[in-house]
Structures are given as structure tokens and as C-alpha cells.
């Protein structure tokens, strides 16, 4: 069967974030095995005041990060399209810093992230009630979307892995729907993150119900592996496209030069090369 590479994995990391292994070229090599047209490397952005500094590159490594991705771009030219992107944490008060940072590099895809497990986030948002903590996370997602800084909101129900025993969508249903209504008005995309199966909930982020609600509101969806090692590039993509179809989506999206492109699910699915399994 002849396959034409067309799809990009839009979410992956580098060793600069201190909790990932493998150079960008190794991620590109796995992308080539999976039949991807390209990858957009989106390592965690450096932040001021040492914010969560143990899990992201330092401010003095910003140029090094761009050079690291650039080397892989040259190494894999004409085989895999390796692009520069960024996973940028939305932190109230850092908007001006983020805007300047994003504008300072030729980024192709900017993920807006909220990581509720970070000590800094918990300190600012914990009020003693797990359910309120869950609700406030979605409120913060709305603010991130309305900032206009990001192309895509990453792993948009990541908070369910915090206080999982208290996670109950039925309890916060109206609030989540209101937040999705507001996000839809901004035009920002949202991610279906396949690494959720490795977390406490063992479920893609977001889960099926939120994904269906996203589709009903016309919110474009980007699939990302959130790979922290090369062999996770495009991991779970076939299943992700099945889940998207069940939710009502007909297309999957990705960003190049920060412009959204939409690809029919059937076309994207056919372009992938299945991983060989050992007998």
C-alpha cells in the first residue's frame, strides 16, 4: 500500500526540560517510521522567577533550544519536516513576558498549557476543595484561550489526574459547558493528548464526553502525543482518530507557521504506517 505522508505530531519535548530523553533527531526518526510528514517540537518554555524551573529549560537555554531543533531540521531535510514550536504555560501576570517570548522565535505551533500538579499552581489555586480546584482549572483555561497567545490548549482536562477520586464531571457539568462555550468563541483549537493513558486516569486528555462537546461547538482538534521519549511519537494516533470520529469530528488539525490546517480523518488515518509487532 502506497502512503503519502501528511500528518504532524504537534507535541513533544527535548532533554532541556529535564524530564525527557532523546534528541529531536531521534524523535524525527520515529516519525519517519510512522509515516508522518513532520513533527513540531514543543518543549516547555522557560519562565521568569524560577517558575517550575525543575521541569523546564532555563531562560539562558532559549537560544540553545532553537539551535537544537534547527540541527534536527537540517539533519532530516527532505525526509521529515522538523519544526520549532513551544509548550507555554499560562500564568496570570506573565502575559507580557509570554508575548515577547513567543514573538522572539519563528514558532510554528504554540501550545497553551496549564499544569495543575505544579506546586506553584497549587499554591495559587488551592482553596481546600478538590471539586472547586477542578472547576477553577477550567476557568483558567478560558482565560488562557482569551489571552490570544496560543494556537491550541493542550491536554484540556489534565486536572482530572489531580484528586482523581473526587473527579466527577456530572458535578461540574454546567461549568465545563460554559467554559467550552467561551473557549469556542476565541477560535483557539484544543488538543487530544494521547499521553493521558500513562497518567492516573489512564484516559486520553480530554475524555470522550468533553471531546464530543468540543466538536458540537466547532472547536478544532489537534492530536499530540506529548512524547517525552522518541518511541512515543504518534503513539495512539490511530485510536485517537477513531475517538475523534466517534465524537463527531470529520477532520483533524495541525499548525504550521501558526496557521491551522485541517485534514480529513480518513486521509490522515491512511497515511500512517502501523508499528510492526513482534510475533
C-alpha atoms as a PDB file:
ATOM      1  CA  UNK A   1       0.000   0.000   0.000  1.00  0.00           C
ATOM      2  CA  UNK A   2       1.383   3.393  -1.008  1.00  0.00           C
ATOM      3  CA  UNK A   3       1.070   6.026   1.709  1.00  0.00           C
ATOM      4  CA  UNK A   4       1.579   9.755   1.334  1.00  0.00           C
ATOM      5  CA  UNK A   5       2.940  11.414   4.485  1.00  0.00           C
ATOM      6  CA  UNK A   6       0.653  14.240   5.527  1.00  0.00           C
ATOM      7  CA  UNK A   7       0.223  14.280   9.313  1.00  0.00           C
ATOM      8  CA  UNK A   8       2.283  16.035  12.015  1.00  0.00           C
ATOM      9  CA  UNK A   9       2.743  15.182  15.660  1.00  0.00           C
ATOM     10  CA  UNK A  10       2.408  18.591  17.294  1.00  0.00           C
ATOM     11  CA  UNK A  11       3.542  17.938  20.881  1.00  0.00           C
ATOM     12  CA  UNK A  12       6.911  16.594  22.052  1.00  0.00           C
ATOM     13  CA  UNK A  13       9.866  17.511  24.206  1.00  0.00           C
ATOM     14  CA  UNK A  14      13.653  17.649  24.475  1.00  0.00           C
ATOM     15  CA  UNK A  15      16.115  16.841  27.280  1.00  0.00           C
ATOM     16  CA  UNK A  16      16.254  20.559  28.086  1.00  0.00           C
ATOM     17  CA  UNK A  17      13.031  20.176  30.094  1.00  0.00           C
ATOM     18  CA  UNK A  18      14.890  17.849  32.489  1.00  0.00           C
ATOM     19  CA  UNK A  19      12.298  15.062  32.332  1.00  0.00           C
ATOM     20  CA  UNK A  20      12.551  13.930  28.710  1.00  0.00           C
ATOM     21  CA  UNK A  21      15.064  11.757  26.868  1.00  0.00           C
ATOM     22  CA  UNK A  22      16.240  11.702  23.247  1.00  0.00           C
ATOM     23  CA  UNK A  23      17.384  14.386  20.845  1.00  0.00           C
ATOM     24  CA  UNK A  24      14.954  15.934  18.316  1.00  0.00           C
ATOM     25  CA  UNK A  25      16.595  13.919  15.530  1.00  0.00           C
ATOM     26  CA  UNK A  26      15.626  10.699  17.312  1.00  0.00           C
ATOM     27  CA  UNK A  27      12.024  11.881  17.501  1.00  0.00           C
ATOM     28  CA  UNK A  28      12.176  12.627  13.781  1.00  0.00           C
ATOM     29  CA  UNK A  29      13.477   9.122  13.108  1.00  0.00           C
ATOM     30  CA  UNK A  30      10.462   7.584  14.805  1.00  0.00           C
ATOM     31  CA  UNK A  31       8.163   9.976  12.976  1.00  0.00           C
ATOM     32  CA  UNK A  32       9.665   8.678   9.733  1.00  0.00           C
ATOM     33  CA  UNK A  33       8.868   5.086  10.773  1.00  0.00           C
ATOM     34  CA  UNK A  34       5.273   6.098  11.467  1.00  0.00           C
ATOM     35  CA  UNK A  35       4.760   7.806   8.132  1.00  0.00           C
ATOM     36  CA  UNK A  36       4.464  11.347   9.440  1.00  0.00           C
ATOM     37  CA  UNK A  37       5.106  14.324   7.217  1.00  0.00           C
ATOM     38  CA  UNK A  38       6.736  16.070  10.132  1.00  0.00           C
ATOM     39  CA  UNK A  39       6.926  16.966  13.793  1.00  0.00           C
ATOM     40  CA  UNK A  40       6.697  20.194  15.735  1.00  0.00           C
ATOM     41  CA  UNK A  41       8.942  20.151  18.788  1.00  0.00           C
ATOM     42  CA  UNK A  42       7.188  21.911  21.670  1.00  0.00           C
ATOM     43  CA  UNK A  43       9.369  21.813  24.740  1.00  0.00           C
ATOM     44  CA  UNK A  44       8.308  23.541  27.967  1.00  0.00           C
ATOM     45  CA  UNK A  45       9.037  27.238  27.796  1.00  0.00           C
ATOM     46  CA  UNK A  46      11.430  28.925  30.218  1.00  0.00           C
ATOM     47  CA  UNK A  47       9.664  31.196  32.685  1.00  0.00           C
ATOM     48  CA  UNK A  48      10.815  34.069  34.885  1.00  0.00           C
ATOM     49  CA  UNK A  49      11.247  33.991  38.656  1.00  0.00           C
ATOM     50  CA  UNK A  50      12.311  30.343  38.513  1.00  0.00           C
ATOM     51  CA  UNK A  51       8.700  29.242  37.993  1.00  0.00           C
ATOM     52  CA  UNK A  52       8.696  25.397  37.978  1.00  0.00           C
ATOM     53  CA  UNK A  53      12.342  25.553  36.978  1.00  0.00           C
ATOM     54  CA  UNK A  54      12.945  21.879  37.731  1.00  0.00           C
ATOM     55  CA  UNK A  55      10.792  20.748  34.777  1.00  0.00           C
ATOM     56  CA  UNK A  56      11.687  23.227  32.026  1.00  0.00           C
ATOM     57  CA  UNK A  57      14.624  24.819  30.272  1.00  0.00           C
ATOM     58  CA  UNK A  58      16.253  27.853  31.825  1.00  0.00           C
ATOM     59  CA  UNK A  59      15.993  31.349  30.401  1.00  0.00           C
ATOM     60  CA  UNK A  60      19.629  31.071  29.335  1.00  0.00           C
ATOM     61  CA  UNK A  61      18.800  27.982  27.218  1.00  0.00           C
ATOM     62  CA  UNK A  62      16.228  29.632  24.942  1.00  0.00           C
ATOM     63  CA  UNK A  63      18.715  30.073  22.094  1.00  0.00           C
ATOM     64  CA  UNK A  64      20.129  26.596  22.697  1.00  0.00           C
ATOM     65  CA  UNK A  65      16.640  25.134  22.303  1.00  0.00           C
ATOM     66  CA  UNK A  66      16.143  26.801  18.948  1.00  0.00           C
ATOM     67  CA  UNK A  67      19.562  25.622  17.790  1.00  0.00           C
ATOM     68  CA  UNK A  68      18.836  22.058  18.936  1.00  0.00           C
ATOM     69  CA  UNK A  69      15.662  21.885  16.866  1.00  0.00           C
ATOM     70  CA  UNK A  70      17.377  23.619  13.934  1.00  0.00           C
ATOM     71  CA  UNK A  71      20.044  20.921  13.829  1.00  0.00           C
ATOM     72  CA  UNK A  72      17.372  18.235  13.508  1.00  0.00           C
ATOM     73  CA  UNK A  73      15.644  20.264  10.785  1.00  0.00           C
ATOM     74  CA  UNK A  74      18.847  20.202   8.742  1.00  0.00           C
ATOM     75  CA  UNK A  75      19.606  16.568   9.574  1.00  0.00           C
ATOM     76  CA  UNK A  76      16.189  15.352   8.404  1.00  0.00           C
ATOM     77  CA  UNK A  77      15.634  17.711   5.483  1.00  0.00           C
ATOM     78  CA  UNK A  78      13.726  16.052   2.601  1.00  0.00           C
ATOM     79  CA  UNK A  79      12.665  13.161   4.876  1.00  0.00           C
ATOM     80  CA  UNK A  80      10.840  14.595   7.906  1.00  0.00           C
ATOM     81  CA  UNK A  81       9.788  18.211   8.281  1.00  0.00           C
ATOM     82  CA  UNK A  82      11.098  19.166  11.744  1.00  0.00           C
ATOM     83  CA  UNK A  83       9.633  22.445  13.008  1.00  0.00           C
ATOM     84  CA  UNK A  84      10.080  24.657  16.032  1.00  0.00           C
ATOM     85  CA  UNK A  85       7.191  25.090  18.447  1.00  0.00           C
ATOM     86  CA  UNK A  86       6.608  25.694  22.128  1.00  0.00           C
ATOM     87  CA  UNK A  87       4.502  24.480  25.026  1.00  0.00           C
ATOM     88  CA  UNK A  88       3.989  27.669  27.018  1.00  0.00           C
ATOM     89  CA  UNK A  89       2.468  27.655  30.488  1.00  0.00           C
ATOM     90  CA  UNK A  90      -0.221  30.248  31.002  1.00  0.00           C
ATOM     91  CA  UNK A  91       0.496  32.005  34.299  1.00  0.00           C
ATOM     92  CA  UNK A  92      -1.507  35.108  35.253  1.00  0.00           C
ATOM     93  CA  UNK A  93       0.850  38.075  35.405  1.00  0.00           C
ATOM     94  CA  UNK A  94       3.289  36.597  32.885  1.00  0.00           C
ATOM     95  CA  UNK A  95       1.295  37.618  29.787  1.00  0.00           C
ATOM     96  CA  UNK A  96       3.699  40.349  28.669  1.00  0.00           C
ATOM     97  CA  UNK A  97       6.670  38.032  29.119  1.00  0.00           C
ATOM     98  CA  UNK A  98       4.945  35.270  27.147  1.00  0.00           C
ATOM     99  CA  UNK A  99       4.003  37.599  24.321  1.00  0.00           C
ATOM    100  CA  UNK A 100       7.589  38.778  23.906  1.00  0.00           C
ATOM    101  CA  UNK A 101       8.945  35.242  24.174  1.00  0.00           C
ATOM    102  CA  UNK A 102       6.563  33.878  21.559  1.00  0.00           C
ATOM    103  CA  UNK A 103       7.309  36.742  19.179  1.00  0.00           C
ATOM    104  CA  UNK A 104      11.069  36.284  19.561  1.00  0.00           C
ATOM    105  CA  UNK A 105      11.265  32.991  17.656  1.00  0.00           C
ATOM    106  CA  UNK A 106       9.867  31.570  14.378  1.00  0.00           C
ATOM    107  CA  UNK A 107       7.377  29.272  16.087  1.00  0.00           C
ATOM    108  CA  UNK A 108       5.032  27.012  14.147  1.00  0.00           C
ATOM    109  CA  UNK A 109       2.711  25.869  16.916  1.00  0.00           C
ATOM    110  CA  UNK A 110       2.213  27.366  20.366  1.00  0.00           C
ATOM    111  CA  UNK A 111       0.502  25.158  22.901  1.00  0.00           C
ATOM    112  CA  UNK A 112      -1.053  26.904  25.866  1.00  0.00           C
ATOM    113  CA  UNK A 113      -0.776  24.744  28.947  1.00  0.00           C
ATOM    114  CA  UNK A 114      -1.995  24.766  32.498  1.00  0.00           C
ATOM    115  CA  UNK A 115      -0.276  22.204  34.702  1.00  0.00           C
ATOM    116  CA  UNK A 116      -2.388  21.896  37.859  1.00  0.00           C
ATOM    117  CA  UNK A 117       0.034  19.496  39.560  1.00  0.00           C
ATOM    118  CA  UNK A 118       2.804  22.111  39.769  1.00  0.00           C
ATOM    119  CA  UNK A 119       3.464  23.397  43.298  1.00  0.00           C
ATOM    120  CA  UNK A 120       3.258  26.985  42.072  1.00  0.00           C
ATOM    121  CA  UNK A 121      -0.176  26.380  40.532  1.00  0.00           C
ATOM    122  CA  UNK A 122      -1.493  24.634  43.635  1.00  0.00           C
ATOM    123  CA  UNK A 123      -0.250  27.435  45.875  1.00  0.00           C
ATOM    124  CA  UNK A 124      -2.128  29.990  43.781  1.00  0.00           C
ATOM    125  CA  UNK A 125      -5.325  27.995  43.232  1.00  0.00           C
ATOM    126  CA  UNK A 126      -5.914  25.504  46.045  1.00  0.00           C
ATOM    127  CA  UNK A 127      -8.795  26.547  48.303  1.00  0.00           C
ATOM    128  CA  UNK A 128      -9.233  23.312  50.220  1.00  0.00           C
ATOM    129  CA  UNK A 129     -11.933  21.849  47.968  1.00  0.00           C
ATOM    130  CA  UNK A 130     -10.977  19.352  45.202  1.00  0.00           C
ATOM    131  CA  UNK A 131     -14.194  19.999  43.258  1.00  0.00           C
ATOM    132  CA  UNK A 132     -13.575  23.750  43.289  1.00  0.00           C
ATOM    133  CA  UNK A 133      -9.996  23.054  42.226  1.00  0.00           C
ATOM    134  CA  UNK A 134     -11.344  21.168  39.199  1.00  0.00           C
ATOM    135  CA  UNK A 135     -13.763  23.970  38.339  1.00  0.00           C
ATOM    136  CA  UNK A 136     -11.138  26.689  38.676  1.00  0.00           C
ATOM    137  CA  UNK A 137      -8.864  24.839  36.270  1.00  0.00           C
ATOM    138  CA  UNK A 138     -11.468  25.141  33.501  1.00  0.00           C
ATOM    139  CA  UNK A 139     -11.992  28.797  34.359  1.00  0.00           C
ATOM    140  CA  UNK A 140      -8.258  29.306  33.943  1.00  0.00           C
ATOM    141  CA  UNK A 141      -8.380  27.521  30.581  1.00  0.00           C
ATOM    142  CA  UNK A 142     -10.888  30.123  29.420  1.00  0.00           C
ATOM    143  CA  UNK A 143      -8.589  32.955  30.498  1.00  0.00           C
ATOM    144  CA  UNK A 144      -5.702  31.292  28.664  1.00  0.00           C
ATOM    145  CA  UNK A 145      -7.799  30.995  25.492  1.00  0.00           C
ATOM    146  CA  UNK A 146      -8.955  34.593  25.756  1.00  0.00           C
ATOM    147  CA  UNK A 147      -5.366  35.829  26.100  1.00  0.00           C
ATOM    148  CA  UNK A 148      -4.862  35.314  22.348  1.00  0.00           C
ATOM    149  CA  UNK A 149      -1.375  33.967  22.962  1.00  0.00           C
ATOM    150  CA  UNK A 150      -1.920  30.358  21.934  1.00  0.00           C
ATOM    151  CA  UNK A 151      -2.909  28.274  18.925  1.00  0.00           C
ATOM    152  CA  UNK A 152      -4.049  25.246  20.915  1.00  0.00           C
ATOM    153  CA  UNK A 153      -4.932  24.448  24.519  1.00  0.00           C
ATOM    154  CA  UNK A 154      -3.052  21.303  25.479  1.00  0.00           C
ATOM    155  CA  UNK A 155      -4.382  18.284  27.437  1.00  0.00           C
ATOM    156  CA  UNK A 156      -7.546  20.239  28.342  1.00  0.00           C
ATOM    157  CA  UNK A 157      -8.833  18.082  31.185  1.00  0.00           C
ATOM    158  CA  UNK A 158      -5.449  17.295  32.734  1.00  0.00           C
ATOM    159  CA  UNK A 159      -6.818  18.362  36.108  1.00  0.00           C
ATOM    160  CA  UNK A 160      -8.773  15.111  36.416  1.00  0.00           C
ATOM    161  CA  UNK A 161      -5.495  13.457  37.417  1.00  0.00           C
ATOM    162  CA  UNK A 162      -5.371  15.695  40.496  1.00  0.00           C
ATOM    163  CA  UNK A 163      -7.633  14.336  43.240  1.00  0.00           C
ATOM    164  CA  UNK A 164      -8.894  11.700  40.817  1.00  0.00           C
ATOM    165  CA  UNK A 165     -11.129  10.182  43.499  1.00  0.00           C
ATOM    166  CA  UNK A 166     -13.091  13.464  43.510  1.00  0.00           C
ATOM    167  CA  UNK A 167     -13.294  13.800  39.722  1.00  0.00           C
ATOM    168  CA  UNK A 168     -16.964  13.821  38.733  1.00  0.00           C
ATOM    169  CA  UNK A 169     -17.984  15.550  35.526  1.00  0.00           C
ATOM    170  CA  UNK A 170     -21.650  15.372  36.498  1.00  0.00           C
ATOM    171  CA  UNK A 171     -20.961  17.681  39.433  1.00  0.00           C
ATOM    172  CA  UNK A 172     -19.206  20.369  37.353  1.00  0.00           C
ATOM    173  CA  UNK A 173     -21.090  19.738  34.112  1.00  0.00           C
ATOM    174  CA  UNK A 174     -22.696  23.156  33.692  1.00  0.00           C
ATOM    175  CA  UNK A 175     -19.470  24.940  34.495  1.00  0.00           C
ATOM    176  CA  UNK A 176     -17.449  22.921  31.965  1.00  0.00           C
ATOM    177  CA  UNK A 177     -20.057  23.555  29.257  1.00  0.00           C
ATOM    178  CA  UNK A 178     -19.997  27.287  29.964  1.00  0.00           C
ATOM    179  CA  UNK A 179     -16.200  27.271  29.756  1.00  0.00           C
ATOM    180  CA  UNK A 180     -16.260  25.401  26.445  1.00  0.00           C
ATOM    181  CA  UNK A 181     -18.763  27.933  25.078  1.00  0.00           C
ATOM    182  CA  UNK A 182     -16.357  30.729  25.942  1.00  0.00           C
ATOM    183  CA  UNK A 183     -13.335  28.897  24.529  1.00  0.00           C
ATOM    184  CA  UNK A 184     -15.191  28.239  21.272  1.00  0.00           C
ATOM    185  CA  UNK A 185     -15.754  31.977  20.830  1.00  0.00           C
ATOM    186  CA  UNK A 186     -11.978  32.604  20.871  1.00  0.00           C
ATOM    187  CA  UNK A 187     -11.298  30.324  17.885  1.00  0.00           C
ATOM    188  CA  UNK A 188      -8.462  28.549  19.675  1.00  0.00           C
ATOM    189  CA  UNK A 189      -8.019  24.830  18.980  1.00  0.00           C
ATOM    190  CA  UNK A 190      -7.865  22.163  21.672  1.00  0.00           C
ATOM    191  CA  UNK A 191      -5.685  19.081  21.862  1.00  0.00           C
ATOM    192  CA  UNK A 192      -6.462  15.386  22.107  1.00  0.00           C
ATOM    193  CA  UNK A 193      -3.404  14.276  24.065  1.00  0.00           C
ATOM    194  CA  UNK A 194      -2.633  10.568  23.829  1.00  0.00           C
ATOM    195  CA  UNK A 195      -0.230  10.527  26.781  1.00  0.00           C
ATOM    196  CA  UNK A 196      -3.202  10.646  29.130  1.00  0.00           C
ATOM    197  CA  UNK A 197      -3.244   6.845  29.119  1.00  0.00           C
ATOM    198  CA  UNK A 198       0.040   6.966  31.044  1.00  0.00           C
ATOM    199  CA  UNK A 199      -1.414   9.111  33.828  1.00  0.00           C
ATOM    200  CA  UNK A 200      -3.617   8.292  36.820  1.00  0.00           C
ATOM    201  CA  UNK A 201      -6.873   8.420  34.841  1.00  0.00           C
ATOM    202  CA  UNK A 202      -5.456   6.156  32.093  1.00  0.00           C
ATOM    203  CA  UNK A 203      -7.537   8.084  29.584  1.00  0.00           C
ATOM    204  CA  UNK A 204      -6.812  10.478  26.731  1.00  0.00           C
ATOM    205  CA  UNK A 205      -6.987  14.173  27.572  1.00  0.00           C
ATOM    206  CA  UNK A 206      -9.747  15.121  27.147  1.00  0.00           C
ATOM    207  CA  UNK A 207     -12.087  12.225  27.741  1.00  0.00           C
ATOM    208  CA  UNK A 208     -14.867  11.287  25.286  1.00  0.00           C
ATOM    209  CA  UNK A 209     -17.617  13.478  26.742  1.00  0.00           C
ATOM    210  CA  UNK A 210     -15.614  16.706  26.659  1.00  0.00           C
ATOM    211  CA  UNK A 211     -14.336  15.813  23.181  1.00  0.00           C
ATOM    212  CA  UNK A 212     -17.921  15.451  21.945  1.00  0.00           C
ATOM    213  CA  UNK A 213     -18.831  18.806  23.450  1.00  0.00           C
ATOM    214  CA  UNK A 214     -15.807  20.388  21.758  1.00  0.00           C
ATOM    215  CA  UNK A 215     -16.970  19.023  18.414  1.00  0.00           C
ATOM    216  CA  UNK A 216     -20.509  20.290  18.904  1.00  0.00           C
ATOM    217  CA  UNK A 217     -19.084  23.782  19.445  1.00  0.00           C
ATOM    218  CA  UNK A 218     -16.881  23.684  16.350  1.00  0.00           C
ATOM    219  CA  UNK A 219     -13.617  23.655  18.290  1.00  0.00           C
ATOM    220  CA  UNK A 220     -10.812  22.321  16.074  1.00  0.00           C
ATOM    221  CA  UNK A 221      -8.828  19.417  17.498  1.00  0.00           C
ATOM    222  CA  UNK A 222      -5.094  18.724  17.260  1.00  0.00           C
ATOM    223  CA  UNK A 223      -3.699  15.290  18.135  1.00  0.00           C
ATOM    224  CA  UNK A 224      -0.489  15.336  20.166  1.00  0.00           C
ATOM    225  CA  UNK A 225       1.493  12.502  21.682  1.00  0.00           C
ATOM    226  CA  UNK A 226       3.199  14.692  24.305  1.00  0.00           C
ATOM    227  CA  UNK A 227       6.204  12.452  23.682  1.00  0.00           C
ATOM    228  CA  UNK A 228       8.967  12.568  26.279  1.00  0.00           C
ATOM    229  CA  UNK A 229      10.886   9.802  24.541  1.00  0.00           C
ATOM    230  CA  UNK A 230      11.279   9.103  20.802  1.00  0.00           C
ATOM    231  CA  UNK A 231       9.242   5.889  20.598  1.00  0.00           C
ATOM    232  CA  UNK A 232       6.114   7.723  21.747  1.00  0.00           C
ATOM    233  CA  UNK A 233       5.913   9.923  18.654  1.00  0.00           C
ATOM    234  CA  UNK A 234       2.463   9.347  17.085  1.00  0.00           C
ATOM    235  CA  UNK A 235       1.672   6.891  19.859  1.00  0.00           C
ATOM    236  CA  UNK A 236      -2.025   6.082  19.938  1.00  0.00           C
ATOM    237  CA  UNK A 237      -2.796   8.191  16.880  1.00  0.00           C
ATOM    238  CA  UNK A 238      -4.932   5.544  15.188  1.00  0.00           C
ATOM    239  CA  UNK A 239      -7.037   5.145  18.320  1.00  0.00           C
ATOM    240  CA  UNK A 240      -7.200   8.926  18.712  1.00  0.00           C
ATOM    241  CA  UNK A 241      -8.662   9.294  15.233  1.00  0.00           C
ATOM    242  CA  UNK A 242     -11.241   6.609  15.999  1.00  0.00           C
ATOM    243  CA  UNK A 243     -12.179   8.515  19.158  1.00  0.00           C
ATOM    244  CA  UNK A 244     -12.413  11.769  17.210  1.00  0.00           C
ATOM    245  CA  UNK A 245     -14.735  10.151  14.688  1.00  0.00           C
ATOM    246  CA  UNK A 246     -16.981   8.780  17.425  1.00  0.00           C
ATOM    247  CA  UNK A 247     -17.117  12.278  18.939  1.00  0.00           C
ATOM    248  CA  UNK A 248     -18.360  13.626  15.602  1.00  0.00           C
ATOM    249  CA  UNK A 249     -15.199  15.056  14.082  1.00  0.00           C
ATOM    250  CA  UNK A 250     -14.547  14.625  10.363  1.00  0.00           C
ATOM    251  CA  UNK A 251     -11.154  16.365  10.316  1.00  0.00           C
ATOM    252  CA  UNK A 252      -8.029  16.593  12.438  1.00  0.00           C
ATOM    253  CA  UNK A 253      -5.980  19.788  12.575  1.00  0.00           C
ATOM    254  CA  UNK A 254      -2.359  20.843  12.875  1.00  0.00           C
ATOM    255  CA  UNK A 255      -0.478  24.142  12.754  1.00  0.00           C
ATOM    256  CA  UNK A 256       2.417  25.258  10.559  1.00  0.00           C
ATOM    257  CA  UNK A 257       3.666  28.849  10.748  1.00  0.00           C
ATOM    258  CA  UNK A 258       0.884  29.239  13.317  1.00  0.00           C
ATOM    259  CA  UNK A 259      -1.763  28.724  10.640  1.00  0.00           C
ATOM    260  CA  UNK A 260      -4.259  25.913  11.084  1.00  0.00           C
ATOM    261  CA  UNK A 261      -4.589  23.172   8.509  1.00  0.00           C
ATOM    262  CA  UNK A 262      -7.447  20.666   8.542  1.00  0.00           C
ATOM    263  CA  UNK A 263      -7.051  17.141   7.181  1.00  0.00           C
ATOM    264  CA  UNK A 264      -9.850  14.627   6.669  1.00  0.00           C
ATOM    265  CA  UNK A 265      -9.660  11.878   9.266  1.00  0.00           C
ATOM    266  CA  UNK A 266      -9.778   9.156   6.610  1.00  0.00           C
ATOM    267  CA  UNK A 267      -6.827  10.702   4.780  1.00  0.00           C
ATOM    268  CA  UNK A 268      -4.837  11.154   7.984  1.00  0.00           C
ATOM    269  CA  UNK A 269      -5.543   7.590   9.113  1.00  0.00           C
ATOM    270  CA  UNK A 270      -4.470   6.068   5.795  1.00  0.00           C
ATOM    271  CA  UNK A 271      -1.197   7.987   5.823  1.00  0.00           C
ATOM    272  CA  UNK A 272       0.102   6.339   8.992  1.00  0.00           C
ATOM    273  CA  UNK A 273       2.421   3.350   8.958  1.00  0.00           C
ATOM    274  CA  UNK A 274       1.427   0.852  11.678  1.00  0.00           C
ATOM    275  CA  UNK A 275       4.134  -0.201  14.077  1.00  0.00           C
ATOM    276  CA  UNK A 276       5.355  -3.736  13.484  1.00  0.00           C
ATOM    277  CA  UNK A 277       4.550  -6.101  16.322  1.00  0.00           C
ATOM    278  CA  UNK A 278       6.715  -8.983  17.432  1.00  0.00           C
ATOM    279  CA  UNK A 279       5.247 -12.469  16.945  1.00  0.00           C
END
